[in-house]
Amino acid sequence: MEAVDKNGNLVKRNLSERFVEFAADVIKLGHDLNKLFEGGHVYRQLFRSSTGAGANYEESQSGESRKGFIHKLQISLKELKEPLYWLRLTKRLI
């Protein structure tokens, strides 16, 4: 996968790095959200849901079979849907 850096240069990033970057961005956003929402419920849900997909992707890389590998990738994809909900909710609340 290619992306553009701050200087406009194309850079390649693998999926594992992109999962880490996504989780880190959500955690940074979460620090601000935690101040806005009493109790931090939205932040905790967003934090939890945004880090699970990357962990499952990493686990898929050591799958014992093709079937196990595909299953873990499917779990990662499914887990990416939950943070979308929390991000949409956050957008409406800010």
Foldseek 3Di string as FASTA:
>chain_A
DWDADPVRDIDDDDPLVVLVVQLVVLLVVLVVVCVVDPPSPLSVQLNVLSNVLSVLQVVLVPDPDPVSNVVSNVVSVVSVVRNVVSVVVVVVVD
